[in-house]
Protein backbone atom coordinates (compact mmCIF):
# COMPACT_ATOMS: atom_id res chain seq x y z
CA MET A 1 6.20 327.20 69.89
CA ARG A 2 3.80 325.98 67.02
CA ASN A 3 2.74 328.59 64.78
CA LEU A 4 -1.38 327.82 63.38
CA TRP A 5 -1.42 329.32 59.71
CA ALA A 6 -4.80 331.02 58.77
CA PRO A 7 -4.12 333.71 56.11
CA TRP A 8 -7.61 333.15 54.56
CA ARG A 9 -8.75 335.53 57.98
CA MET A 10 -6.47 338.21 57.41
CA ASP A 11 -9.96 338.97 54.28
CA TYR A 12 -11.73 339.30 57.45
CA ILE A 13 -9.51 341.18 59.59
CA LEU A 14 -8.47 343.85 57.02
CA GLY A 15 -11.66 343.89 54.98
CA ASP A 16 -14.61 345.86 54.46
CA ARG A 17 -17.95 345.38 56.38
CA PRO A 18 -20.72 345.02 53.56
CA TYR A 19 -23.21 347.54 53.53
CA GLY A 20 -26.72 346.43 54.20
CA CYS A 21 -28.20 342.36 54.11
CA ILE A 22 -25.90 339.18 53.51
CA PHE A 23 -29.53 337.03 52.53
CA CYS A 24 -30.83 339.84 50.67
CA PRO A 25 -30.90 339.28 46.87
CA GLU A 26 -29.00 342.31 45.44
CA GLY A 27 -25.96 341.10 47.63
CA ASN A 28 -24.67 344.31 47.93
CA GLY A 29 -23.58 344.47 44.01
CA GLU A 30 -21.31 340.91 44.67
CA SER A 31 -21.51 338.20 42.39
CA ASP A 32 -22.85 334.92 44.18
CA GLU A 33 -19.50 333.67 43.82
CA GLN A 34 -17.98 336.27 45.89
CA ARG A 35 -21.08 335.95 48.35
CA LEU A 36 -20.37 331.98 48.68
CA LEU A 37 -24.12 332.11 47.43
CA LEU A 38 -24.88 328.12 46.40
CA TYR A 39 -28.58 328.21 45.24
CA ARG A 40 -31.13 330.85 44.12
CA GLY A 41 -34.65 329.55 44.86
CA ASP A 42 -38.04 331.02 44.19
CA ARG A 43 -37.93 331.78 47.90
CA SER A 44 -35.39 330.53 49.69
CA MET A 45 -31.35 330.68 49.04
CA VAL A 46 -27.80 328.71 50.47
CA ILE A 47 -25.22 330.69 51.46
CA MET A 48 -21.53 329.58 52.91
CA ASN A 49 -21.14 330.77 56.09
CA ARG A 50 -18.23 333.09 55.63
CA PHE A 51 -17.01 332.23 59.22
CA PRO A 52 -17.91 328.80 59.51
CA TYR A 53 -17.65 326.73 62.80
CA ASN A 54 -16.85 323.94 60.51
CA ASN A 55 -16.29 322.64 57.10
CA GLY A 56 -19.42 322.86 55.03
CA HIS A 57 -21.60 325.21 58.04
CA LEU A 58 -24.45 326.62 55.77
CA LEU A 59 -27.05 329.41 55.82
CA VAL A 60 -30.23 328.81 54.51
CA ALA A 61 -32.79 332.13 54.34
CA PRO A 62 -36.20 333.09 52.73
CA TRP A 63 -35.45 335.88 50.60
CA LYS A 64 -38.36 337.98 52.41
CA HIS A 65 -35.99 340.06 54.26
CA THR A 66 -37.78 339.45 58.20
CA PRO A 67 -36.11 338.65 61.53
CA SER A 68 -39.41 335.78 62.57
CA LEU A 69 -41.07 332.76 61.08
CA ASP A 70 -44.23 334.24 62.04
CA ASP A 71 -43.79 337.20 58.86
CA LEU A 72 -43.53 334.35 56.88
CA GLU A 73 -46.41 332.55 54.54
CA ASP A 74 -46.80 329.41 54.55
CA GLU A 75 -45.76 328.10 51.05
CA GLU A 76 -42.33 330.18 52.29
CA LEU A 77 -41.76 328.56 55.75
CA PHE A 78 -42.64 325.48 53.43
CA ASP A 79 -39.35 325.86 51.08
CA LEU A 80 -37.38 327.43 53.72
CA VAL A 81 -37.55 324.14 55.54
CA ARG A 82 -37.49 321.90 52.41
CA THR A 83 -34.06 323.52 51.30
CA VAL A 84 -32.59 322.67 54.42
CA ARG A 85 -33.54 319.33 54.14
CA TRP A 86 -32.07 319.12 50.98
CA SER A 87 -29.36 320.84 52.29
CA VAL A 88 -28.73 318.12 54.85
CA ALA A 89 -28.66 315.68 51.64
CA VAL A 90 -26.57 317.56 49.76
CA LEU A 91 -23.52 318.07 52.52
CA ARG A 92 -24.16 314.13 53.39
CA GLN A 93 -23.48 313.26 49.81
CA THR A 94 -20.42 315.42 49.18
CA MET A 95 -18.85 315.13 52.53
CA SER A 96 -19.55 312.20 54.23
CA PRO A 97 -20.54 313.75 57.99
CA ASP A 98 -21.25 311.56 61.04
CA ALA A 99 -23.91 314.06 61.89
CA PHE A 100 -25.63 317.83 61.98
CA ASN A 101 -26.32 320.41 64.13
CA VAL A 102 -29.05 322.14 62.63
CA GLY A 103 -30.71 325.48 64.16
CA LEU A 104 -31.48 329.36 64.28
CA ASN A 105 -31.36 331.83 66.42
CA LEU A 106 -33.67 334.46 66.77
CA GLY A 107 -32.80 337.45 67.81
CA THR A 108 -29.51 338.89 69.29
CA VAL A 109 -29.95 337.74 72.71
CA ALA A 110 -30.13 333.98 71.49
CA GLY A 111 -27.10 334.78 69.52
CA ALA A 112 -28.61 335.73 66.11
CA GLY A 113 -25.54 337.36 63.76
CA VAL A 114 -28.09 338.88 61.46
CA GLU A 115 -31.21 339.28 63.65
CA GLY A 116 -32.80 341.26 61.05
CA HIS A 117 -33.38 337.65 58.73
CA VAL A 118 -34.46 334.68 60.01
CA HIS A 119 -31.33 331.99 58.43
CA PHE A 120 -30.95 328.26 59.57
CA HIS A 121 -27.33 327.50 60.17
CA ILE A 122 -26.81 323.40 59.30
CA VAL A 123 -23.35 322.86 60.39
CA PRO A 124 -21.71 319.12 59.23
CA ARG A 125 -20.06 317.29 62.24
CA TRP A 126 -17.36 314.53 62.12
CA ASN A 127 -16.80 312.45 65.04
CA GLY A 128 -13.52 313.98 66.95
CA ASP A 129 -13.71 317.40 65.17
CA THR A 130 -13.20 319.21 68.08
CA SER A 131 -10.41 319.71 69.22
CA PHE A 132 -8.26 321.56 72.36
CA MET A 133 -8.36 324.62 69.96
CA THR A 134 -11.92 325.16 70.95
CA VAL A 135 -11.81 324.47 74.29
CA LEU A 136 -8.97 326.19 75.64
CA SER A 137 -8.73 329.39 72.55
CA GLU A 138 -12.17 329.53 71.67
CA VAL A 139 -10.44 328.76 68.14
CA ARG A 140 -11.74 327.30 65.78
CA VAL A 141 -9.83 324.91 62.99
CA VAL A 142 -11.48 324.74 59.76
CA PRO A 143 -9.01 322.06 57.48
CA GLU A 144 -10.61 322.95 54.14
CA HIS A 145 -10.36 326.66 52.54
CA LEU A 146 -14.00 328.24 52.29
CA GLN A 147 -12.79 328.78 48.43
CA ARG A 148 -12.47 324.89 47.99
CA THR A 149 -15.58 324.11 49.54
CA TYR A 150 -17.42 326.25 47.36
CA GLU A 151 -16.35 325.33 44.65
CA LYS A 152 -16.90 320.95 45.68
CA LEU A 153 -20.74 321.87 46.71
CA LEU A 154 -21.78 324.61 43.93
CA PRO A 155 -22.74 321.74 41.43
CA TYR A 156 -24.95 319.79 43.74
CA PHE A 157 -26.57 322.89 44.55
CA GLU A 158 -28.42 323.86 40.81
CA LYS A 159 -31.42 324.45 40.86
CA GLU A 160 -32.85 321.27 38.93
CA LYS A 161 -31.28 319.23 41.34
CA LEU A 162 -33.95 320.37 43.92
CA ASN A 163 -36.50 319.61 41.78
CA GLU A 164 -34.97 315.88 41.13
CA THR A 165 -34.71 315.52 44.80
CA SER A 166 -37.74 316.72 46.14
């Protein structure tokens, strides 16, 4: 028998669950680094998914706490989609994926894990990145530690970078 080691998962299993919304500005008193928050724009933010489908799995959300795209003003919606586009460009530059899955889940039945605050998922994909683990055990193997990915991406998510690339 072989072992699959993922010691960072113990923090999730035994850790406290955050009270409140992970996407709201105050962040339950945690620092941006603790939250894995990469970017704070005027209307939107980029945060790493703490339980990713793949390395570099990002979440892009508006600051406005709303479950629906319908509740966003045009400027907020434009900024949100622009931030998604920019995040894809950053991932392309830093991680060289072959493709991306980009989407959002509206409502619990659609798979929304945080249904009260609309957000996009950006999942980098590489040719051959799925393995037998997903097929047989519904387990994903994420080869790089979240903190390392955060440190790699953070310099590219400075506010000035978004303004320069838009």
